Amino acid sequence: MVAINVDNDHLHLQIEIPPDISVAAVVQQLKSSSSHYLKKKYKFIKEMYLDGSIWSVGYFSSTIGLNEEQISKYIKYQGNKDLPKTARLEFS
């Protein structure tokens, strides 16, 4: 795992996987393992998700290529809100 960050309803991961393992297999394993861990650690999750699924079915995947630094920054700053700007009014 290179980078990880969470937002209100999703998370972003930057990971490296070997070329002989499919992205779908990695995502399935990550969702399965994290679901098992979260249900074990937080008992109320079992009650909230009656069908047992805490993750949505889909996912988005993209290759990085030459813009790895830009994507790492994007992941790092997910969820950070821009602070509101305050205008200073000066009268002479």
PDB file of N, CA and C in Angstrom:
ATOM      1  N   MET A   1       0.840  -1.162   0.000  1.00  0.00           N
ATOM      2  CA  MET A   1       0.000   0.000   0.000  1.00  0.00           C
ATOM      3  C   MET A   1       0.894   1.236   0.000  1.00  0.00           C
ATOM      4  N   VAL A   2       0.672   2.105  -0.945  1.00  0.00           N
ATOM      5  CA  VAL A   2       1.489   3.309  -1.067  1.00  0.00           C
ATOM      6  C   VAL A   2       0.833   4.477  -0.348  1.00  0.00           C
ATOM      7  N   ALA A   3      -0.491   4.646  -0.525  1.00  0.00           N
ATOM      8  CA  ALA A   3      -1.214   5.742   0.115  1.00  0.00           C
ATOM      9  C   ALA A   3      -2.652   5.302   0.378  1.00  0.00           C
ATOM     10  N   ILE A   4      -3.231   5.859   1.444  1.00  0.00           N
ATOM     11  CA  ILE A   4      -4.624   5.575   1.781  1.00  0.00           C
ATOM     12  C   ILE A   4      -5.215   6.816   2.427  1.00  0.00           C
ATOM     13  N   ASN A   5      -6.485   7.074   2.139  1.00  0.00           N
ATOM     14  CA  ASN A   5      -7.212   8.150   2.797  1.00  0.00           C
ATOM     15  C   ASN A   5      -8.694   7.848   2.688  1.00  0.00           C
ATOM     16  N   VAL A   6      -9.451   8.327   3.649  1.00  0.00           N
ATOM     17  CA  VAL A   6     -10.886   8.083   3.669  1.00  0.00           C
ATOM     18  C   VAL A   6     -11.649   9.382   3.568  1.00  0.00           C
ATOM     19  N   ASP A   7     -12.836   9.292   3.017  1.00  0.00           N
ATOM     20  CA  ASP A   7     -13.758  10.415   2.948  1.00  0.00           C
ATOM     21  C   ASP A   7     -15.039   9.956   3.636  1.00  0.00           C
ATOM     22  N   ASN A   8     -16.089  10.755   3.578  1.00  0.00           N
ATOM     23  CA  ASN A   8     -17.326  10.414   4.285  1.00  0.00           C
ATOM     24  C   ASN A   8     -17.902   9.074   3.868  1.00  0.00           C
ATOM     25  N   ASP A   9     -17.886   8.762   2.587  1.00  0.00           N
ATOM     26  CA  ASP A   9     -18.555   7.546   2.128  1.00  0.00           C
ATOM     27  C   ASP A   9     -17.707   6.689   1.200  1.00  0.00           C
ATOM     28  N   HIS A  10     -16.413   6.914   1.171  1.00  0.00           N
ATOM     29  CA  HIS A  10     -15.542   6.093   0.333  1.00  0.00           C
ATOM     30  C   HIS A  10     -14.101   6.244   0.789  1.00  0.00           C
ATOM     31  N   LEU A  11     -13.247   5.417   0.230  1.00  0.00           N
ATOM     32  CA  LEU A  11     -11.830   5.554   0.526  1.00  0.00           C
ATOM     33  C   LEU A  11     -11.020   5.469  -0.748  1.00  0.00           C
ATOM     34  N   HIS A  12      -9.820   5.989  -0.665  1.00  0.00           N
ATOM     35  CA  HIS A  12      -8.894   5.992  -1.789  1.00  0.00           C
ATOM     36  C   HIS A  12      -7.660   5.210  -1.377  1.00  0.00           C
ATOM     37  N   LEU A  13      -7.245   4.317  -2.246  1.00  0.00           N
ATOM     38  CA  LEU A  13      -6.037   3.530  -2.021  1.00  0.00           C
ATOM     39  C   LEU A  13      -5.122   3.662  -3.222  1.00  0.00           C
ATOM     40  N   GLN A  14      -3.858   3.799  -2.951  1.00  0.00           N
ATOM     41  CA  GLN A  14      -2.853   3.682  -4.004  1.00  0.00           C
ATOM     42  C   GLN A  14      -2.017   2.470  -3.620  1.00  0.00           C
ATOM     43  N   ILE A  15      -2.111   1.430  -4.427  1.00  0.00           N
ATOM     44  CA  ILE A  15      -1.408   0.193  -4.117  1.00  0.00           C
ATOM     45  C   ILE A  15      -0.656  -0.299  -5.349  1.00  0.00           C
ATOM     46  N   GLU A  16       0.347  -1.083  -5.086  1.00  0.00           N
ATOM     47  CA  GLU A  16       1.064  -1.763  -6.164  1.00  0.00           C
ATOM     48  C   GLU A  16       0.730  -3.241  -6.058  1.00  0.00           C
ATOM     49  N   ILE A  17       0.377  -3.823  -7.186  1.00  0.00           N
ATOM     50  CA  ILE A  17       0.101  -5.263  -7.193  1.00  0.00           C
ATOM     51  C   ILE A  17       0.926  -5.910  -8.300  1.00  0.00           C
ATOM     52  N   PRO A  18       1.309  -7.151  -8.093  1.00  0.00           N
ATOM     53  CA  PRO A  18       2.075  -7.853  -9.123  1.00  0.00           C
ATOM     54  C   PRO A  18       1.237  -8.013 -10.393  1.00  0.00           C
ATOM     55  N   PRO A  19       1.870  -8.044 -11.539  1.00  0.00           N
ATOM     56  CA  PRO A  19       1.128  -8.136 -12.797  1.00  0.00           C
ATOM     57  C   PRO A  19       0.375  -9.451 -12.985  1.00  0.00           C
ATOM     58  N   ASP A  20       0.730 -10.478 -12.214  1.00  0.00           N
ATOM     59  CA  ASP A  20       0.045 -11.760 -12.374  1.00  0.00           C
ATOM     60  C   ASP A  20      -1.185 -11.900 -11.475  1.00  0.00           C
ATOM     61  N   ILE A  21      -1.527 -10.840 -10.718  1.00  0.00           N
ATOM     62  CA  ILE A  21      -2.724 -10.845  -9.875  1.00  0.00           C
ATOM     63  C   ILE A  21      -3.681  -9.796 -10.411  1.00  0.00           C
ATOM     64  N   SER A  22      -4.936 -10.180 -10.596  1.00  0.00           N
ATOM     65  CA  SER A  22      -5.903  -9.241 -11.160  1.00  0.00           C
ATOM     66  C   SER A  22      -6.330  -8.196 -10.127  1.00  0.00           C
ATOM     67  N   VAL A  23      -6.687  -7.026 -10.622  1.00  0.00           N
ATOM     68  CA  VAL A  23      -7.187  -5.956  -9.766  1.00  0.00           C
ATOM     69  C   VAL A  23      -8.439  -6.432  -9.037  1.00  0.00           C
ATOM     70  N   ALA A  24      -9.323  -7.116  -9.752  1.00  0.00           N
ATOM     71  CA  ALA A  24     -10.563  -7.611  -9.144  1.00  0.00           C
ATOM     72  C   ALA A  24     -10.277  -8.529  -7.963  1.00  0.00           C
ATOM     73  N   ALA A  25      -9.284  -9.403  -8.090  1.00  0.00           N
ATOM     74  CA  ALA A  25      -8.932 -10.322  -7.007  1.00  0.00           C
ATOM     75  C   ALA A  25      -8.406  -9.562  -5.790  1.00  0.00           C
ATOM     76  N   VAL A  26      -7.610  -8.541  -6.024  1.00  0.00           N
ATOM     77  CA  VAL A  26      -7.065  -7.727  -4.927  1.00  0.00           C
ATOM     78  C   VAL A  26      -8.189  -6.975  -4.227  1.00  0.00           C
ATOM     79  N   VAL A  27      -9.073  -6.350  -4.989  1.00  0.00           N
ATOM     80  CA  VAL A  27     -10.187  -5.608  -4.403  1.00  0.00           C
ATOM     81  C   VAL A  27     -11.073  -6.548  -3.589  1.00  0.00           C
ATOM     82  N   GLN A  28     -11.369  -7.710  -4.141  1.00  0.00           N
ATOM     83  CA  GLN A  28     -12.198  -8.686  -3.430  1.00  0.00           C
ATOM     84  C   GLN A  28     -11.548  -9.080  -2.101  1.00  0.00           C
ATOM     85  N   GLN A  29     -10.259  -9.323  -2.113  1.00  0.00           N
ATOM     86  CA  GLN A  29      -9.553  -9.720  -0.889  1.00  0.00           C
ATOM     87  C   GLN A  29      -9.527  -8.581   0.124  1.00  0.00           C
ATOM     88  N   LEU A  30      -9.279  -7.350  -0.340  1.00  0.00           N
ATOM     89  CA  LEU A  30      -9.270  -6.192   0.563  1.00  0.00           C
ATOM     90  C   LEU A  30     -10.637  -5.989   1.214  1.00  0.00           C
ATOM     91  N   LYS A  31     -11.697  -6.078   0.409  1.00  0.00           N
ATOM     92  CA  LYS A  31     -13.039  -5.895   0.949  1.00  0.00           C
ATOM     93  C   LYS A  31     -13.394  -7.011   1.928  1.00  0.00           C
ATOM     94  N   SER A  32     -13.073  -8.222   1.585  1.00  0.00           N
ATOM     95  CA  SER A  32     -13.383  -9.360   2.445  1.00  0.00           C
ATOM     96  C   SER A  32     -12.634  -9.275   3.775  1.00  0.00           C
ATOM     97  N   SER A  33     -11.342  -9.044   3.717  1.00  0.00           N
ATOM     98  CA  SER A  33     -10.521  -8.986   4.932  1.00  0.00           C
ATOM     99  C   SER A  33     -10.921  -7.814   5.827  1.00  0.00           C
ATOM    100  N   SER A  34     -11.119  -6.657   5.228  1.00  0.00           N
ATOM    101  CA  SER A  34     -11.474  -5.486   6.034  1.00  0.00           C
ATOM    102  C   SER A  34     -12.877  -5.633   6.622  1.00  0.00           C
ATOM    103  N   SER A  35     -13.791  -6.228   5.877  1.00  0.00           N
ATOM    104  CA  SER A  35     -15.143  -6.465   6.381  1.00  0.00           C
ATOM    105  C   SER A  35     -15.104  -7.392   7.597  1.00  0.00           C
ATOM    106  N   HIS A  36     -14.356  -8.473   7.473  1.00  0.00           N
ATOM    107  CA  HIS A  36     -14.226  -9.426   8.581  1.00  0.00           C
ATOM    108  C   HIS A  36     -13.626  -8.735   9.811  1.00  0.00           C
ATOM    109  N   TYR A  37     -12.576  -7.965   9.605  1.00  0.00           N
ATOM    110  CA  TYR A  37     -11.904  -7.262  10.704  1.00  0.00           C
ATOM    111  C   TYR A  37     -12.853  -6.266  11.380  1.00  0.00           C
ATOM    112  N   LEU A  38     -13.543  -5.452  10.571  1.00  0.00           N
ATOM    113  CA  LEU A  38     -14.441  -4.433  11.132  1.00  0.00           C
ATOM    114  C   LEU A  38     -15.608  -5.045  11.887  1.00  0.00           C
ATOM    115  N   LYS A  39     -16.171  -6.131  11.362  1.00  0.00           N
ATOM    116  CA  LYS A  39     -17.285  -6.795  12.045  1.00  0.00           C
ATOM    117  C   LYS A  39     -16.833  -7.409  13.377  1.00  0.00           C
ATOM    118  N   LYS A  40     -15.617  -7.892  13.403  1.00  0.00           N
ATOM    119  CA  LYS A  40     -15.088  -8.483  14.631  1.00  0.00           C
ATOM    120  C   LYS A  40     -14.793  -7.399  15.669  1.00  0.00           C
ATOM    121  N   LYS A  41     -14.242  -6.295  15.221  1.00  0.00           N
ATOM    122  CA  LYS A  41     -13.850  -5.218  16.132  1.00  0.00           C
ATOM    123  C   LYS A  41     -15.055  -4.405  16.610  1.00  0.00           C
ATOM    124  N   TYR A  42     -16.013  -4.154  15.728  1.00  0.00           N
ATOM    125  CA  TYR A  42     -17.185  -3.333  16.050  1.00  0.00           C
ATOM    126  C   TYR A  42     -18.444  -4.185  15.880  1.00  0.00           C
ATOM    127  N   LYS A  43     -18.912  -4.735  16.968  1.00  0.00           N
ATOM    128  CA  LYS A  43     -20.041  -5.677  16.942  1.00  0.00           C
ATOM    129  C   LYS A  43     -21.307  -5.066  16.346  1.00  0.00           C
ATOM    130  N   PHE A  44     -21.504  -3.736  16.501  1.00  0.00           N
ATOM    131  CA  PHE A  44     -22.732  -3.103  16.008  1.00  0.00           C
ATOM    132  C   PHE A  44     -22.841  -3.151  14.482  1.00  0.00           C
ATOM    133  N   ILE A  45     -21.743  -3.338  13.798  1.00  0.00           N
ATOM    134  CA  ILE A  45     -21.767  -3.379  12.331  1.00  0.00           C
ATOM    135  C   ILE A  45     -22.620  -4.547  11.838  1.00  0.00           C
ATOM    136  N   LYS A  46     -22.554  -5.667  12.522  1.00  0.00           N
ATOM    137  CA  LYS A  46     -23.362  -6.831  12.130  1.00  0.00           C
ATOM    138  C   LYS A  46     -24.855  -6.498  12.164  1.00  0.00           C
ATOM    139  N   GLU A  47     -25.257  -5.661  13.119  1.00  0.00           N
ATOM    140  CA  GLU A  47     -26.661  -5.277  13.252  1.00  0.00           C
ATOM    141  C   GLU A  47     -27.071  -4.245  12.203  1.00  0.00           C
ATOM    142  N   MET A  48     -26.132  -3.420  11.793  1.00  0.00           N
ATOM    143  CA  MET A  48     -26.435  -2.363  10.821  1.00  0.00           C
ATOM    144  C   MET A  48     -26.602  -2.917   9.410  1.00  0.00           C
ATOM    145  N   TYR A  49     -25.810  -3.901   9.058  1.00  0.00           N
ATOM    146  CA  TYR A  49     -25.802  -4.461   7.709  1.00  0.00           C
ATOM    147  C   TYR A  49     -26.338  -5.885   7.763  1.00  0.00           C
ATOM    148  N   LEU A  50     -27.638  -5.999   7.672  1.00  0.00           N
ATOM    149  CA  LEU A  50     -28.290  -7.299   7.866  1.00  0.00           C
ATOM    150  C   LEU A  50     -27.904  -8.329   6.817  1.00  0.00           C
ATOM    151  N   ASP A  51     -27.600  -7.872   5.603  1.00  0.00           N
ATOM    152  CA  ASP A  51     -27.216  -8.840   4.564  1.00  0.00           C
ATOM    153  C   ASP A  51     -25.737  -9.226   4.664  1.00  0.00           C
ATOM    154  N   GLY A  52     -25.013  -8.600   5.584  1.00  0.00           N
ATOM    155  CA  GLY A  52     -23.612  -8.938   5.801  1.00  0.00           C
ATOM    156  C   GLY A  52     -22.623  -8.126   4.993  1.00  0.00           C
ATOM    157  N   SER A  53     -23.081  -7.395   3.988  1.00  0.00           N
ATOM    158  CA  SER A  53     -22.180  -6.634   3.120  1.00  0.00           C
ATOM    159  C   SER A  53     -22.014  -5.206   3.630  1.00  0.00           C
ATOM    160  N   ILE A  54     -20.794  -4.833   3.945  1.00  0.00           N
ATOM    161  CA  ILE A  54     -20.575  -3.449   4.368  1.00  0.00           C
ATOM    162  C   ILE A  54     -19.982  -2.605   3.239  1.00  0.00           C
ATOM    163  N   TRP A  55     -19.479  -3.256   2.210  1.00  0.00           N
ATOM    164  CA  TRP A  55     -18.902  -2.537   1.071  1.00  0.00           C
ATOM    165  C   TRP A  55     -19.847  -2.625  -0.123  1.00  0.00           C
ATOM    166  N   SER A  56     -19.817  -1.594  -0.949  1.00  0.00           N
ATOM    167  CA  SER A  56     -20.616  -1.640  -2.170  1.00  0.00           C
ATOM    168  C   SER A  56     -19.990  -2.637  -3.139  1.00  0.00           C
ATOM    169  N   VAL A  57     -20.744  -3.032  -4.136  1.00  0.00           N
ATOM    170  CA  VAL A  57     -20.288  -4.036  -5.091  1.00  0.00           C
ATOM    171  C   VAL A  57     -19.167  -3.487  -5.980  1.00  0.00           C
ATOM    172  N   GLY A  58     -19.261  -2.242  -6.382  1.00  0.00           N
ATOM    173  CA  GLY A  58     -18.330  -1.694  -7.365  1.00  0.00           C
ATOM    174  C   GLY A  58     -17.068  -1.098  -6.785  1.00  0.00           C
ATOM    175  N   TYR A  59     -16.202  -0.716  -7.699  1.00  0.00           N
ATOM    176  CA  TYR A  59     -14.975  -0.007  -7.362  1.00  0.00           C
ATOM    177  C   TYR A  59     -14.470   0.679  -8.618  1.00  0.00           C
ATOM    178  N   PHE A  60     -13.584   1.644  -8.439  1.00  0.00           N
ATOM    179  CA  PHE A  60     -12.943   2.317  -9.565  1.00  0.00           C
ATOM    180  C   PHE A  60     -11.467   2.006  -9.499  1.00  0.00           C
ATOM    181  N   SER A  61     -10.889   1.733 -10.649  1.00  0.00           N
ATOM    182  CA  SER A  61      -9.475   1.416 -10.722  1.00  0.00           C
ATOM    183  C   SER A  61      -8.854   2.157 -11.893  1.00  0.00           C
ATOM    184  N   SER A  62      -7.635   2.592 -11.689  1.00  0.00           N
ATOM    185  CA  SER A  62      -6.916   3.273 -12.769  1.00  0.00           C
ATOM    186  C   SER A  62      -5.427   3.025 -12.591  1.00  0.00           C
ATOM    187  N   THR A  63      -4.722   3.015 -13.693  1.00  0.00           N
ATOM    188  CA  THR A  63      -3.269   2.915 -13.613  1.00  0.00           C
ATOM    189  C   THR A  63      -2.697   4.315 -13.433  1.00  0.00           C
ATOM    190  N   ILE A  64      -1.528   4.380 -12.856  1.00  0.00           N
ATOM    191  CA  ILE A  64      -0.948   5.683 -12.539  1.00  0.00           C
ATOM    192  C   ILE A  64      -0.110   6.239 -13.683  1.00  0.00           C
ATOM    193  N   GLY A  65       0.775   5.457 -14.207  1.00  0.00           N
ATOM    194  CA  GLY A  65       1.635   5.972 -15.268  1.00  0.00           C
ATOM    195  C   GLY A  65       2.624   7.008 -14.761  1.00  0.00           C
ATOM    196  N   LEU A  66       2.735   8.095 -15.479  1.00  0.00           N
ATOM    197  CA  LEU A  66       3.754   9.093 -15.165  1.00  0.00           C
ATOM    198  C   LEU A  66       3.349  10.097 -14.096  1.00  0.00           C
ATOM    199  N   ASN A  67       2.094  10.150 -13.707  1.00  0.00           N
ATOM    200  CA  ASN A  67       1.652  11.163 -12.751  1.00  0.00           C
ATOM    201  C   ASN A  67       1.462  10.606 -11.332  1.00  0.00           C
ATOM    202  N   GLU A  68       2.343   9.748 -10.899  1.00  0.00           N
ATOM    203  CA  GLU A  68       2.231   9.101  -9.588  1.00  0.00           C
ATOM    204  C   GLU A  68       2.243  10.120  -8.450  1.00  0.00           C
ATOM    205  N   GLU A  69       3.097  11.115  -8.502  1.00  0.00           N
ATOM    206  CA  GLU A  69       3.175  12.121  -7.441  1.00  0.00           C
ATOM    207  C   GLU A  69       1.862  12.904  -7.332  1.00  0.00           C
ATOM    208  N   GLN A  70       1.284  13.258  -8.461  1.00  0.00           N
ATOM    209  CA  GLN A  70       0.024  13.999  -8.465  1.00  0.00           C
ATOM    210  C   GLN A  70      -1.105  13.164  -7.851  1.00  0.00           C
ATOM    211  N   ILE A  71      -1.161  11.907  -8.175  1.00  0.00           N
ATOM    212  CA  ILE A  71      -2.200  11.031  -7.622  1.00  0.00           C
ATOM    213  C   ILE A  71      -1.985  10.820  -6.131  1.00  0.00           C
ATOM    214  N   SER A  72      -0.751  10.683  -5.702  1.00  0.00           N
ATOM    215  CA  SER A  72      -0.460  10.546  -4.267  1.00  0.00           C
ATOM    216  C   SER A  72      -0.939  11.775  -3.500  1.00  0.00           C
ATOM    217  N   LYS A  73      -0.716  12.960  -4.050  1.00  0.00           N
ATOM    218  CA  LYS A  73      -1.188  14.194  -3.413  1.00  0.00           C
ATOM    219  C   LYS A  73      -2.713  14.237  -3.381  1.00  0.00           C
ATOM    220  N   TYR A  74      -3.344  13.829  -4.453  1.00  0.00           N
ATOM    221  CA  TYR A  74      -4.808  13.792  -4.515  1.00  0.00           C
ATOM    222  C   TYR A  74      -5.365  12.915  -3.400  1.00  0.00           C
ATOM    223  N   ILE A  75      -4.790  11.735  -3.231  1.00  0.00           N
ATOM    224  CA  ILE A  75      -5.243  10.815  -2.191  1.00  0.00           C
ATOM    225  C   ILE A  75      -4.989  11.407  -0.807  1.00  0.00           C
ATOM    226  N   LYS A  76      -3.829  11.993  -0.623  1.00  0.00           N
ATOM    227  CA  LYS A  76      -3.453  12.557   0.677  1.00  0.00           C
ATOM    228  C   LYS A  76      -4.432  13.626   1.132  1.00  0.00           C
ATOM    229  N   TYR A  77      -4.908  14.437   0.217  1.00  0.00           N
ATOM    230  CA  TYR A  77      -5.752  15.573   0.596  1.00  0.00           C
ATOM    231  C   TYR A  77      -7.243  15.319   0.432  1.00  0.00           C
ATOM    232  N   GLN A  78      -7.654  14.079   0.195  1.00  0.00           N
ATOM    233  CA  GLN A  78      -9.078  13.762   0.113  1.00  0.00           C
ATOM    234  C   GLN A  78      -9.746  14.062   1.446  1.00  0.00           C
ATOM    235  N   GLY A  79     -10.909  14.673   1.380  1.00  0.00           N
ATOM    236  CA  GLY A  79     -11.657  14.959   2.596  1.00  0.00           C
ATOM    237  C   GLY A  79     -11.318  16.286   3.234  1.00  0.00           C
ATOM    238  N   ASN A  80     -10.197  16.870   2.844  1.00  0.00           N
ATOM    239  CA  ASN A  80      -9.853  18.186   3.379  1.00  0.00           C
ATOM    240  C   ASN A  80     -10.700  19.236   2.681  1.00  0.00           C
ATOM    241  N   LYS A  81     -11.358  20.033   3.463  1.00  0.00           N
ATOM    242  CA  LYS A  81     -12.183  21.089   2.906  1.00  0.00           C
ATOM    243  C   LYS A  81     -11.362  22.368   2.810  1.00  0.00           C
ATOM    244  N   ASP A  82     -11.619  23.124   1.771  1.00  0.00           N
ATOM    245  CA  ASP A  82     -10.980  24.424   1.684  1.00  0.00           C
ATOM    246  C   ASP A  82     -11.546  25.308   2.785  1.00  0.00           C
ATOM    247  N   LEU A  83     -10.666  25.988   3.496  1.00  0.00           N
ATOM    248  CA  LEU A  83     -11.131  26.889   4.537  1.00  0.00           C
ATOM    249  C   LEU A  83     -11.787  28.103   3.898  1.00  0.00           C
ATOM    250  N   PRO A  84     -12.886  28.568   4.486  1.00  0.00           N
ATOM    251  CA  PRO A  84     -13.543  29.742   3.902  1.00  0.00           C
ATOM    252  C   PRO A  84     -12.633  30.953   3.978  1.00  0.00           C
ATOM    253  N   LYS A  85     -12.663  31.719   2.937  1.00  0.00           N
ATOM    254  CA  LYS A  85     -11.852  32.932   2.864  1.00  0.00           C
ATOM    255  C   LYS A  85     -12.668  34.080   3.462  1.00  0.00           C
ATOM    256  N   THR A  86     -12.020  34.899   4.257  1.00  0.00           N
ATOM    257  CA  THR A  86     -12.672  36.047   4.834  1.00  0.00           C
ATOM    258  C   THR A  86     -12.148  37.297   4.143  1.00  0.00           C
ATOM    259  N   ALA A  87     -13.050  38.078   3.631  1.00  0.00           N
ATOM    260  CA  ALA A  87     -12.657  39.316   2.956  1.00  0.00           C
ATOM    261  C   ALA A  87     -12.456  40.404   4.006  1.00  0.00           C
ATOM    262  N   ARG A  88     -11.332  41.098   3.899  1.00  0.00           N
ATOM    263  CA  ARG A  88     -11.088  42.228   4.784  1.00  0.00           C
ATOM    264  C   ARG A  88     -11.495  43.489   4.052  1.00  0.00           C
ATOM    265  N   LEU A  89     -12.416  44.192   4.639  1.00  0.00           N
ATOM    266  CA  LEU A  89     -12.851  45.459   4.052  1.00  0.00           C
ATOM    267  C   LEU A  89     -12.212  46.593   4.831  1.00  0.00           C
ATOM    268  N   GLU A  90     -11.502  47.427   4.127  1.00  0.00           N
ATOM    269  CA  GLU A  90     -10.862  48.565   4.779  1.00  0.00           C
ATOM    270  C   GLU A  90     -11.406  49.830   4.156  1.00  0.00           C
ATOM    271  N   PHE A  91     -11.749  50.745   5.034  1.00  0.00           N
ATOM    272  CA  PHE A  91     -12.239  52.044   4.571  1.00  0.00           C
ATOM    273  C   PHE A  91     -11.266  53.101   5.047  1.00  0.00           C
ATOM    274  N   SER A  92     -11.017  54.093   4.168  1.00  0.00           N
ATOM    275  CA  SER A  92     -10.092  55.158   4.581  1.00  0.00           C
ATOM    276  C   SER A  92     -10.834  56.397   4.976  1.00  0.00           C
TER     277      SER A  92
END
